[in-house]
Amino acid sequence: MNQKQKKYQEKLKQPVAWVGKMNGDKDWRWSSTHKSSVEDVYDIVEPVFLEEK
């Protein structure tokens, strides 16, 4: 694996964004690249990755 491929693989492991929703909601409402800003507003916070695992 070359350097670019290695870098890409590392990126896939990192969340690209965070989504948030309230406890009663079925829909995800908001996303941000900063986990803390989503945590301040919403009850449930989940990471979003570049590719599905």
PDB file of N, CA and C in Angstrom:
ATOM      1  N   MET A   1       0.845  -1.191   0.000  1.00  0.00           N
ATOM      2  CA  MET A   1       0.000   0.000   0.000  1.00  0.00           C
ATOM      3  C   MET A   1       0.883   1.245   0.000  1.00  0.00           C
ATOM      4  N   ASN A   2       0.601   2.168  -0.890  1.00  0.00           N
ATOM      5  CA  ASN A   2       1.412   3.379  -0.911  1.00  0.00           C
ATOM      6  C   ASN A   2       0.937   4.398   0.138  1.00  0.00           C
ATOM      7  N   GLN A   3       1.618   5.503   0.209  1.00  0.00           N
ATOM      8  CA  GLN A   3       1.353   6.508   1.235  1.00  0.00           C
ATOM      9  C   GLN A   3      -0.065   7.072   1.144  1.00  0.00           C
ATOM     10  N   LYS A   4      -0.528   7.339  -0.083  1.00  0.00           N
ATOM     11  CA  LYS A   4      -1.875   7.898  -0.267  1.00  0.00           C
ATOM     12  C   LYS A   4      -2.951   6.920   0.190  1.00  0.00           C
ATOM     13  N   GLN A   5      -2.778   5.656  -0.141  1.00  0.00           N
ATOM     14  CA  GLN A   5      -3.752   4.643   0.257  1.00  0.00           C
ATOM     15  C   GLN A   5      -3.802   4.513   1.779  1.00  0.00           C
ATOM     16  N   LYS A   6      -2.627   4.568   2.415  1.00  0.00           N
ATOM     17  CA  LYS A   6      -2.557   4.488   3.875  1.00  0.00           C
ATOM     18  C   LYS A   6      -3.303   5.650   4.506  1.00  0.00           C
ATOM     19  N   LYS A   7      -3.077   6.843   3.959  1.00  0.00           N
ATOM     20  CA  LYS A   7      -3.723   8.043   4.477  1.00  0.00           C
ATOM     21  C   LYS A   7      -5.245   7.931   4.341  1.00  0.00           C
ATOM     22  N   TYR A   8      -5.691   7.414   3.200  1.00  0.00           N
ATOM     23  CA  TYR A   8      -7.113   7.238   2.941  1.00  0.00           C
ATOM     24  C   TYR A   8      -7.721   6.239   3.926  1.00  0.00           C
ATOM     25  N   GLN A   9      -7.027   5.140   4.180  1.00  0.00           N
ATOM     26  CA  GLN A   9      -7.510   4.140   5.124  1.00  0.00           C
ATOM     27  C   GLN A   9      -7.667   4.735   6.520  1.00  0.00           C
ATOM     28  N   GLU A  10      -6.712   5.577   6.918  1.00  0.00           N
ATOM     29  CA  GLU A  10      -6.786   6.244   8.225  1.00  0.00           C
ATOM     30  C   GLU A  10      -7.991   7.167   8.281  1.00  0.00           C
ATOM     31  N   LYS A  11      -8.227   7.884   7.187  1.00  0.00           N
ATOM     32  CA  LYS A  11      -9.366   8.800   7.120  1.00  0.00           C
ATOM     33  C   LYS A  11     -10.690   8.074   7.295  1.00  0.00           C
ATOM     34  N   LEU A  12     -10.792   6.888   6.724  1.00  0.00           N
ATOM     35  CA  LEU A  12     -12.031   6.113   6.814  1.00  0.00           C
ATOM     36  C   LEU A  12     -12.371   5.742   8.245  1.00  0.00           C
ATOM     37  N   LYS A  13     -11.343   5.620   9.078  1.00  0.00           N
ATOM     38  CA  LYS A  13     -11.577   5.247  10.470  1.00  0.00           C
ATOM     39  C   LYS A  13     -12.066   6.426  11.304  1.00  0.00           C
ATOM     40  N   GLN A  14     -11.807   7.639  10.826  1.00  0.00           N
ATOM     41  CA  GLN A  14     -12.207   8.840  11.551  1.00  0.00           C
ATOM     42  C   GLN A  14     -13.610   9.267  11.123  1.00  0.00           C
ATOM     43  N   PRO A  15     -14.474   9.655  12.071  1.00  0.00           N
ATOM     44  CA  PRO A  15     -15.782  10.173  11.672  1.00  0.00           C
ATOM     45  C   PRO A  15     -15.620  11.476  10.888  1.00  0.00           C
ATOM     46  N   VAL A  16     -16.388  11.654   9.828  1.00  0.00           N
ATOM     47  CA  VAL A  16     -16.314  12.894   9.054  1.00  0.00           C
ATOM     48  C   VAL A  16     -17.291  13.925   9.605  1.00  0.00           C
ATOM     49  N   ALA A  17     -18.299  13.457  10.332  1.00  0.00           N
ATOM     50  CA  ALA A  17     -19.284  14.379  10.903  1.00  0.00           C
ATOM     51  C   ALA A  17     -19.993  13.690  12.062  1.00  0.00           C
ATOM     52  N   TRP A  18     -20.799  14.463  12.775  1.00  0.00           N
ATOM     53  CA  TRP A  18     -21.601  13.928  13.871  1.00  0.00           C
ATOM     54  C   TRP A  18     -23.042  14.348  13.642  1.00  0.00           C
ATOM     55  N   VAL A  19     -23.968  13.422  13.851  1.00  0.00           N
ATOM     56  CA  VAL A  19     -25.385  13.754  13.709  1.00  0.00           C
ATOM     57  C   VAL A  19     -26.059  13.661  15.072  1.00  0.00           C
ATOM     58  N   GLY A  20     -27.103  14.461  15.245  1.00  0.00           N
ATOM     59  CA  GLY A  20     -27.799  14.463  16.521  1.00  0.00           C
ATOM     60  C   GLY A  20     -29.292  14.370  16.365  1.00  0.00           C
ATOM     61  N   LYS A  21     -29.948  13.783  17.394  1.00  0.00           N
ATOM     62  CA  LYS A  21     -31.410  13.776  17.438  1.00  0.00           C
ATOM     63  C   LYS A  21     -31.859  13.740  18.894  1.00  0.00           C
ATOM     64  N   MET A  22     -33.081  14.155  19.120  1.00  0.00           N
ATOM     65  CA  MET A  22     -33.651  14.126  20.461  1.00  0.00           C
ATOM     66  C   MET A  22     -34.190  12.725  20.733  1.00  0.00           C
ATOM     67  N   ASN A  23     -34.409  12.410  22.012  1.00  0.00           N
ATOM     68  CA  ASN A  23     -34.845  11.067  22.383  1.00  0.00           C
ATOM     69  C   ASN A  23     -36.117  10.604  21.683  1.00  0.00           C
ATOM     70  N   GLY A  24     -37.104  11.481  21.521  1.00  0.00           N
ATOM     71  CA  GLY A  24     -38.377  11.067  20.933  1.00  0.00           C
ATOM     72  C   GLY A  24     -38.389  11.058  19.411  1.00  0.00           C
ATOM     73  N   ASP A  25     -37.372  11.597  18.772  1.00  0.00           N
ATOM     74  CA  ASP A  25     -37.367  11.740  17.316  1.00  0.00           C
ATOM     75  C   ASP A  25     -36.956  10.464  16.606  1.00  0.00           C
ATOM     76  N   LYS A  26     -37.522  10.269  15.412  1.00  0.00           N
ATOM     77  CA  LYS A  26     -37.044   9.153  14.607  1.00  0.00           C
ATOM     78  C   LYS A  26     -36.066   9.631  13.537  1.00  0.00           C
ATOM     79  N   ASP A  27     -36.067  10.912  13.256  1.00  0.00           N
ATOM     80  CA  ASP A  27     -35.192  11.466  12.224  1.00  0.00           C
ATOM     81  C   ASP A  27     -33.970  12.145  12.817  1.00  0.00           C
ATOM     82  N   TRP A  28     -32.824  11.965  12.153  1.00  0.00           N
ATOM     83  CA  TRP A  28     -31.626  12.708  12.536  1.00  0.00           C
ATOM     84  C   TRP A  28     -31.800  14.143  12.070  1.00  0.00           C
ATOM     85  N   ARG A  29     -31.479  15.105  12.907  1.00  0.00           N
ATOM     86  CA  ARG A  29     -31.812  16.475  12.611  1.00  0.00           C
ATOM     87  C   ARG A  29     -30.651  17.354  12.185  1.00  0.00           C
ATOM     88  N   TRP A  30     -29.471  17.046  12.626  1.00  0.00           N
ATOM     89  CA  TRP A  30     -28.416  18.015  12.431  1.00  0.00           C
ATOM     90  C   TRP A  30     -27.070  17.333  12.377  1.00  0.00           C
ATOM     91  N   SER A  31     -26.147  17.898  11.604  1.00  0.00           N
ATOM     92  CA  SER A  31     -24.804  17.334  11.598  1.00  0.00           C
ATOM     93  C   SER A  31     -23.772  18.437  11.678  1.00  0.00           C
ATOM     94  N   SER A  32     -22.635  18.080  12.213  1.00  0.00           N
ATOM     95  CA  SER A  32     -21.545  19.031  12.367  1.00  0.00           C
ATOM     96  C   SER A  32     -20.247  18.247  12.371  1.00  0.00           C
ATOM     97  N   THR A  33     -19.159  18.919  12.056  1.00  0.00           N
ATOM     98  CA  THR A  33     -17.875  18.247  12.141  1.00  0.00           C
ATOM     99  C   THR A  33     -17.361  18.272  13.573  1.00  0.00           C
ATOM    100  N   HIS A  34     -18.019  19.033  14.446  1.00  0.00           N
ATOM    101  CA  HIS A  34     -17.592  19.123  15.846  1.00  0.00           C
ATOM    102  C   HIS A  34     -18.577  18.375  16.738  1.00  0.00           C
ATOM    103  N   LYS A  35     -18.107  17.315  17.348  1.00  0.00           N
ATOM    104  CA  LYS A  35     -18.960  16.489  18.199  1.00  0.00           C
ATOM    105  C   LYS A  35     -19.553  17.296  19.349  1.00  0.00           C
ATOM    106  N   SER A  36     -18.752  18.170  19.964  1.00  0.00           N
ATOM    107  CA  SER A  36     -19.212  18.899  21.144  1.00  0.00           C
ATOM    108  C   SER A  36     -20.388  19.824  20.843  1.00  0.00           C
ATOM    109  N   SER A  37     -20.404  20.417  19.640  1.00  0.00           N
ATOM    110  CA  SER A  37     -21.507  21.325  19.322  1.00  0.00           C
ATOM    111  C   SER A  37     -22.820  20.564  19.112  1.00  0.00           C
ATOM    112  N   VAL A  38     -22.741  19.318  18.663  1.00  0.00           N
ATOM    113  CA  VAL A  38     -23.944  18.496  18.525  1.00  0.00           C
ATOM    114  C   VAL A  38     -24.394  18.014  19.904  1.00  0.00           C
ATOM    115  N   GLU A  39     -23.433  17.643  20.745  1.00  0.00           N
ATOM    116  CA  GLU A  39     -23.743  17.145  22.090  1.00  0.00           C
ATOM    117  C   GLU A  39     -24.428  18.207  22.940  1.00  0.00           C
ATOM    118  N   ASP A  40     -24.091  19.482  22.709  1.00  0.00           N
ATOM    119  CA  ASP A  40     -24.689  20.567  23.485  1.00  0.00           C
ATOM    120  C   ASP A  40     -26.192  20.670  23.262  1.00  0.00           C
ATOM    121  N   VAL A  41     -26.656  20.277  22.073  1.00  0.00           N
ATOM    122  CA  VAL A  41     -28.047  20.508  21.693  1.00  0.00           C
ATOM    123  C   VAL A  41     -28.903  19.242  21.716  1.00  0.00           C
ATOM    124  N   TYR A  42     -28.325  18.113  21.320  1.00  0.00           N
ATOM    125  CA  TYR A  42     -29.136  16.902  21.122  1.00  0.00           C
ATOM    126  C   TYR A  42     -28.810  15.802  22.124  1.00  0.00           C
ATOM    127  N   ASP A  43     -29.802  14.939  22.350  1.00  0.00           N
ATOM    128  CA  ASP A  43     -29.665  13.842  23.310  1.00  0.00           C
ATOM    129  C   ASP A  43     -28.795  12.712  22.773  1.00  0.00           C
ATOM    130  N   ILE A  44     -29.027  12.332  21.519  1.00  0.00           N
ATOM    131  CA  ILE A  44     -28.333  11.183  20.934  1.00  0.00           C
ATOM    132  C   ILE A  44     -27.393  11.689  19.848  1.00  0.00           C
ATOM    133  N   VAL A  45     -26.141  11.319  19.956  1.00  0.00           N
ATOM    134  CA  VAL A  45     -25.135  11.774  18.992  1.00  0.00           C
ATOM    135  C   VAL A  45     -24.433  10.556  18.417  1.00  0.00           C
ATOM    136  N   GLU A  46     -24.321  10.503  17.097  1.00  0.00           N
ATOM    137  CA  GLU A  46     -23.650   9.375  16.446  1.00  0.00           C
ATOM    138  C   GLU A  46     -22.655   9.866  15.417  1.00  0.00           C
ATOM    139  N   PRO A  47     -21.561   9.128  15.218  1.00  0.00           N
ATOM    140  CA  PRO A  47     -20.581   9.510  14.200  1.00  0.00           C
ATOM    141  C   PRO A  47     -21.046   9.100  12.796  1.00  0.00           C
ATOM    142  N   VAL A  48     -20.586   9.850  11.824  1.00  0.00           N
ATOM    143  CA  VAL A  48     -20.853   9.536  10.410  1.00  0.00           C
ATOM    144  C   VAL A  48     -19.508   9.280   9.759  1.00  0.00           C
ATOM    145  N   PHE A  49     -19.382   8.150   9.053  1.00  0.00           N
ATOM    146  CA  PHE A  49     -18.128   7.790   8.422  1.00  0.00           C
ATOM    147  C   PHE A  49     -18.226   7.958   6.909  1.00  0.00           C
ATOM    148  N   LEU A  50     -17.069   8.077   6.257  1.00  0.00           N
ATOM    149  CA  LEU A  50     -16.995   8.231   4.822  1.00  0.00           C
ATOM    150  C   LEU A  50     -17.628   7.042   4.100  1.00  0.00           C
ATOM    151  N   GLU A  51     -17.366   5.840   4.596  1.00  0.00           N
ATOM    152  CA  GLU A  51     -17.916   4.634   3.998  1.00  0.00           C
ATOM    153  C   GLU A  51     -18.557   3.787   5.089  1.00  0.00           C
ATOM    154  N   GLU A  52     -19.550   3.015   4.703  1.00  0.00           N
ATOM    155  CA  GLU A  52     -20.160   2.085   5.639  1.00  0.00           C
ATOM    156  C   GLU A  52     -19.147   1.015   6.019  1.00  0.00           C
ATOM    157  N   LYS A  53     -19.208   0.574   7.241  1.00  0.00           N
ATOM    158  CA  LYS A  53     -18.272  -0.477   7.675  1.00  0.00           C
ATOM    159  C   LYS A  53     -18.799  -1.838   7.288  1.00  0.00           C
TER     160      LYS A  53
END
